[in-house]
Amino acid sequence: MRDGATRQVIRSIAHPAPVRCIAFSPDGKTLATGGGDSIIRLWDVATGKEISGPTGHENRVLSVAFLQGAKVLGTESEDGTVRLWDAVTGKEAHKVRIRQKDRGGPGFAFSPDGKPFVFVPDWQDKHICLRDLETGRELRRFNAHAVIRSVTFSPRGTVLAASTKDQTTLLFEVATGKEIRRLAGPESTHS
């Protein structure tokens, strides 16, 4: 970790496998890392020491996020599942299968309220799936003109942004699935 003002290293952590994803808790006191070893680790930011971490994924952890304050940890893995964990005890609270085992996708994000989530099913897909976290049921599909590379929600969860392989950023209204803006990058073939 680096100091934002001075850029000096203030703390190092040692996740033993390559780190694929990382997230701070809302209070900034805890850092979660997910790695190629299928393990989620929680770290005390002040000391750099490993606190604990939930276990249960069977393949690389691709996404990690703190939800509902810092009470819940949400993860996505190449084992094809999205899981919710009690961030204090590490106990698995919920699991939803979203794709075949041993398959990852390029984009995944939890909504700010932690209820629905979005993901891109495969590396060559031109659509995004919005699913209910409790049931796993698909709520909506967002279609794009090009292969999707990443996704994220706006802070209020009302807009979904997606970047595409041709360097275009698409903005969708979450409630309707309607594309509301297209931001063309320098190499984009669409404007």
Protein backbone atom coordinates (compact mmCIF):
# COMPACT_ATOMS: atom_id res chain seq x y z
CA MET A 1 0.00 0.00 0.00
CA ARG A 2 1.19 3.49 -0.80
CA ASP A 3 0.52 6.83 0.81
CA GLY A 4 -1.71 8.78 -1.61
CA ALA A 5 0.14 12.07 -1.12
CA THR A 6 3.77 10.96 -0.94
CA ARG A 7 3.47 7.72 -2.95
CA GLN A 8 5.76 6.05 -0.42
CA VAL A 9 5.13 2.41 0.47
CA ILE A 10 3.53 2.36 3.91
CA ARG A 11 2.58 -1.31 4.17
CA SER A 12 3.22 -4.53 2.29
CA ILE A 13 1.07 -7.63 2.41
CA ALA A 14 2.06 -11.06 1.22
CA HIS A 15 -0.76 -12.99 -0.42
CA PRO A 16 1.15 -16.16 -1.40
CA ALA A 17 -0.50 -16.47 -4.85
CA PRO A 18 -0.97 -13.80 -7.51
CA VAL A 19 -3.67 -11.36 -6.39
CA ARG A 20 -6.54 -11.17 -8.89
CA CYS A 21 -8.81 -8.73 -7.01
CA ILE A 22 -8.68 -6.38 -4.05
CA ALA A 23 -11.12 -4.24 -2.05
CA PHE A 24 -11.06 -1.95 0.97
CA SER A 25 -13.80 -2.13 3.58
CA PRO A 26 -15.85 1.10 3.70
CA ASP A 27 -14.04 2.25 6.86
CA GLY A 28 -10.64 1.59 5.25
CA LYS A 29 -9.49 -0.62 8.11
CA THR A 30 -9.65 -3.96 6.33
CA LEU A 31 -8.37 -5.03 2.93
CA ALA A 32 -9.65 -8.13 1.16
CA THR A 33 -7.58 -9.92 -1.48
CA GLY A 34 -8.54 -12.80 -3.72
CA GLY A 35 -5.98 -14.85 -5.53
CA GLY A 36 -5.05 -17.61 -7.87
CA ASP A 37 -4.97 -19.98 -4.90
CA SER A 38 -8.81 -19.75 -4.55
CA ILE A 39 -8.47 -18.16 -1.11
CA ILE A 40 -9.83 -14.84 0.11
CA ARG A 41 -7.64 -13.18 2.68
CA LEU A 42 -8.55 -10.29 4.99
CA TRP A 43 -5.82 -7.97 6.18
CA ASP A 44 -5.60 -5.40 8.96
CA VAL A 45 -4.51 -2.26 7.09
CA ALA A 46 -2.87 -0.67 10.16
CA THR A 47 -0.59 -3.64 10.88
CA GLY A 48 -0.42 -5.44 7.52
CA LYS A 49 -1.23 -8.70 9.29
CA GLU A 50 -3.62 -11.29 7.94
CA ILE A 51 -6.80 -11.40 10.01
CA SER A 52 -8.55 -14.39 8.48
CA GLY A 53 -10.56 -15.13 5.41
CA PRO A 54 -13.35 -17.29 4.13
CA THR A 55 -12.55 -20.47 2.25
CA GLY A 56 -14.67 -22.54 -0.08
CA HIS A 57 -13.99 -21.46 -3.64
CA GLU A 58 -12.52 -24.19 -5.83
CA ASN A 59 -10.73 -21.99 -8.37
CA ARG A 60 -9.24 -18.51 -8.74
CA VAL A 61 -11.10 -15.66 -7.04
CA LEU A 62 -11.85 -13.01 -9.67
CA SER A 63 -13.84 -10.35 -7.76
CA VAL A 64 -14.21 -9.30 -4.15
CA ALA A 65 -16.35 -6.54 -2.60
CA PHE A 66 -17.54 -5.45 0.83
CA LEU A 67 -21.33 -5.18 1.03
CA GLN A 68 -23.76 -3.85 3.64
CA GLY A 69 -21.03 -1.76 5.21
CA ALA A 70 -18.32 -4.22 6.13
CA LYS A 71 -20.61 -7.00 7.39
CA VAL A 72 -20.72 -9.05 4.21
CA LEU A 73 -18.04 -9.98 1.71
CA GLY A 74 -19.12 -10.84 -1.83
CA THR A 75 -16.89 -12.86 -4.15
CA GLU A 76 -16.92 -14.32 -7.65
CA SER A 77 -14.69 -17.17 -8.75
CA GLU A 78 -13.68 -19.22 -11.78
CA ASP A 79 -15.43 -22.10 -10.03
CA GLY A 80 -18.58 -20.53 -11.54
CA THR A 81 -20.05 -19.22 -8.29
CA VAL A 82 -20.87 -15.95 -6.58
CA ARG A 83 -20.76 -16.24 -2.80
CA LEU A 84 -21.63 -14.11 0.20
CA TRP A 85 -19.65 -14.52 3.39
CA ASP A 86 -19.96 -13.17 6.90
CA ALA A 87 -16.96 -10.83 6.89
CA VAL A 88 -16.31 -11.40 10.61
CA THR A 89 -16.67 -15.18 10.94
CA GLY A 90 -15.80 -16.17 7.35
CA LYS A 91 -18.88 -18.40 7.24
CA GLU A 92 -20.53 -18.82 3.84
CA ALA A 93 -24.00 -17.25 3.88
CA HIS A 94 -25.13 -17.75 0.30
CA LYS A 95 -23.97 -19.24 -3.01
CA VAL A 96 -25.29 -18.80 -6.57
CA ARG A 97 -23.94 -20.63 -9.62
CA ILE A 98 -23.61 -18.25 -12.59
CA ARG A 99 -21.60 -20.22 -15.13
CA GLN A 100 -19.91 -23.53 -15.77
CA LYS A 101 -17.19 -24.61 -13.40
CA ASP A 102 -13.67 -23.56 -14.42
CA ARG A 103 -14.96 -20.70 -16.56
CA GLY A 104 -14.38 -17.08 -15.81
CA GLY A 105 -15.69 -13.98 -17.47
CA PRO A 106 -14.33 -10.52 -18.06
CA GLY A 107 -16.76 -8.47 -16.01
CA PHE A 108 -18.54 -8.69 -12.69
CA ALA A 109 -19.96 -6.14 -10.24
CA PHE A 110 -22.26 -6.03 -7.23
CA SER A 111 -24.81 -3.23 -7.12
CA PRO A 112 -24.18 -0.65 -4.38
CA ASP A 113 -27.01 -2.07 -2.28
CA GLY A 114 -25.55 -5.57 -2.67
CA LYS A 115 -28.79 -7.13 -3.92
CA PRO A 116 -28.48 -7.64 -7.66
CA PHE A 117 -25.21 -8.21 -9.47
CA VAL A 118 -24.11 -8.12 -13.09
CA PHE A 119 -21.69 -10.31 -14.97
CA VAL A 120 -20.51 -11.04 -18.48
CA PRO A 121 -20.90 -14.81 -19.01
CA ASP A 122 -17.95 -15.38 -21.32
CA TRP A 123 -14.91 -13.63 -22.81
CA GLN A 124 -16.61 -13.31 -26.22
CA ASP A 125 -20.08 -12.20 -25.06
CA LYS A 126 -21.80 -9.03 -26.20
CA HIS A 127 -24.33 -9.00 -23.38
CA ILE A 128 -24.45 -8.47 -19.63
CA CYS A 129 -26.73 -10.38 -17.26
CA LEU A 130 -28.34 -8.72 -14.23
CA ARG A 131 -29.26 -11.33 -11.63
CA ASP A 132 -30.99 -11.34 -8.28
CA LEU A 133 -28.48 -12.33 -5.62
CA GLU A 134 -30.91 -14.31 -3.47
CA THR A 135 -32.48 -16.45 -6.19
CA GLY A 136 -29.90 -16.29 -9.00
CA ARG A 137 -32.79 -15.47 -11.37
CA GLU A 138 -31.93 -13.32 -14.39
CA LEU A 139 -33.70 -9.96 -14.08
CA ARG A 140 -32.48 -8.25 -17.23
CA ARG A 141 -30.07 -8.53 -20.10
CA PHE A 142 -28.12 -5.57 -21.50
CA ASN A 143 -27.02 -5.95 -25.13
CA ALA A 144 -23.94 -4.32 -26.61
CA HIS A 145 -22.56 -3.88 -30.12
CA ALA A 146 -19.16 -5.36 -29.22
CA VAL A 147 -17.53 -7.82 -26.82
CA ILE A 148 -17.74 -6.61 -23.19
CA ARG A 149 -14.52 -6.27 -21.19
CA SER A 150 -15.62 -4.79 -17.84
CA VAL A 151 -18.70 -3.54 -15.98
CA THR A 152 -19.49 -1.31 -13.00
CA PHE A 153 -22.47 0.32 -11.33
CA SER A 154 -22.86 4.04 -10.64
CA PRO A 155 -22.74 4.95 -6.92
CA ARG A 156 -26.56 4.96 -6.69
CA GLY A 157 -26.90 1.77 -8.74
CA THR A 158 -29.15 3.36 -11.36
CA VAL A 159 -26.66 3.29 -14.23
CA LEU A 160 -24.50 0.44 -15.46
CA ALA A 161 -21.30 1.25 -17.36
CA ALA A 162 -19.66 -1.30 -19.67
CA SER A 163 -16.42 -1.04 -21.59
CA THR A 164 -16.14 -2.89 -24.87
CA LYS A 165 -13.31 -4.43 -26.84
CA ASP A 166 -13.49 -1.60 -29.40
CA GLN A 167 -12.82 1.01 -26.66
CA THR A 168 -16.39 2.25 -26.41
CA THR A 169 -18.04 2.80 -23.02
CA LEU A 170 -21.76 2.14 -22.87
CA LEU A 171 -24.10 3.49 -20.21
CA PHE A 172 -27.33 1.61 -19.51
CA GLU A 173 -30.31 2.52 -17.35
CA VAL A 174 -30.54 -0.38 -14.88
CA ALA A 175 -34.33 -0.14 -14.40
CA THR A 176 -35.12 -0.50 -18.11
CA GLY A 177 -32.00 -1.96 -19.73
CA LYS A 178 -32.02 0.91 -22.22
CA GLU A 179 -28.69 2.21 -23.52
CA ILE A 180 -28.62 5.89 -22.53
CA ARG A 181 -25.18 6.96 -23.74
CA ARG A 182 -22.32 5.73 -25.87
CA LEU A 183 -18.87 7.19 -25.23
CA ALA A 184 -16.54 6.41 -28.12
CA GLY A 185 -12.83 5.94 -27.42
CA PRO A 186 -10.06 6.98 -29.82
CA GLU A 187 -9.95 3.58 -31.54
CA SER A 188 -13.70 3.00 -31.55
CA THR A 189 -15.50 2.33 -34.79
CA HIS A 190 -18.80 3.53 -33.26
CA SER A 191 -19.74 7.07 -32.30
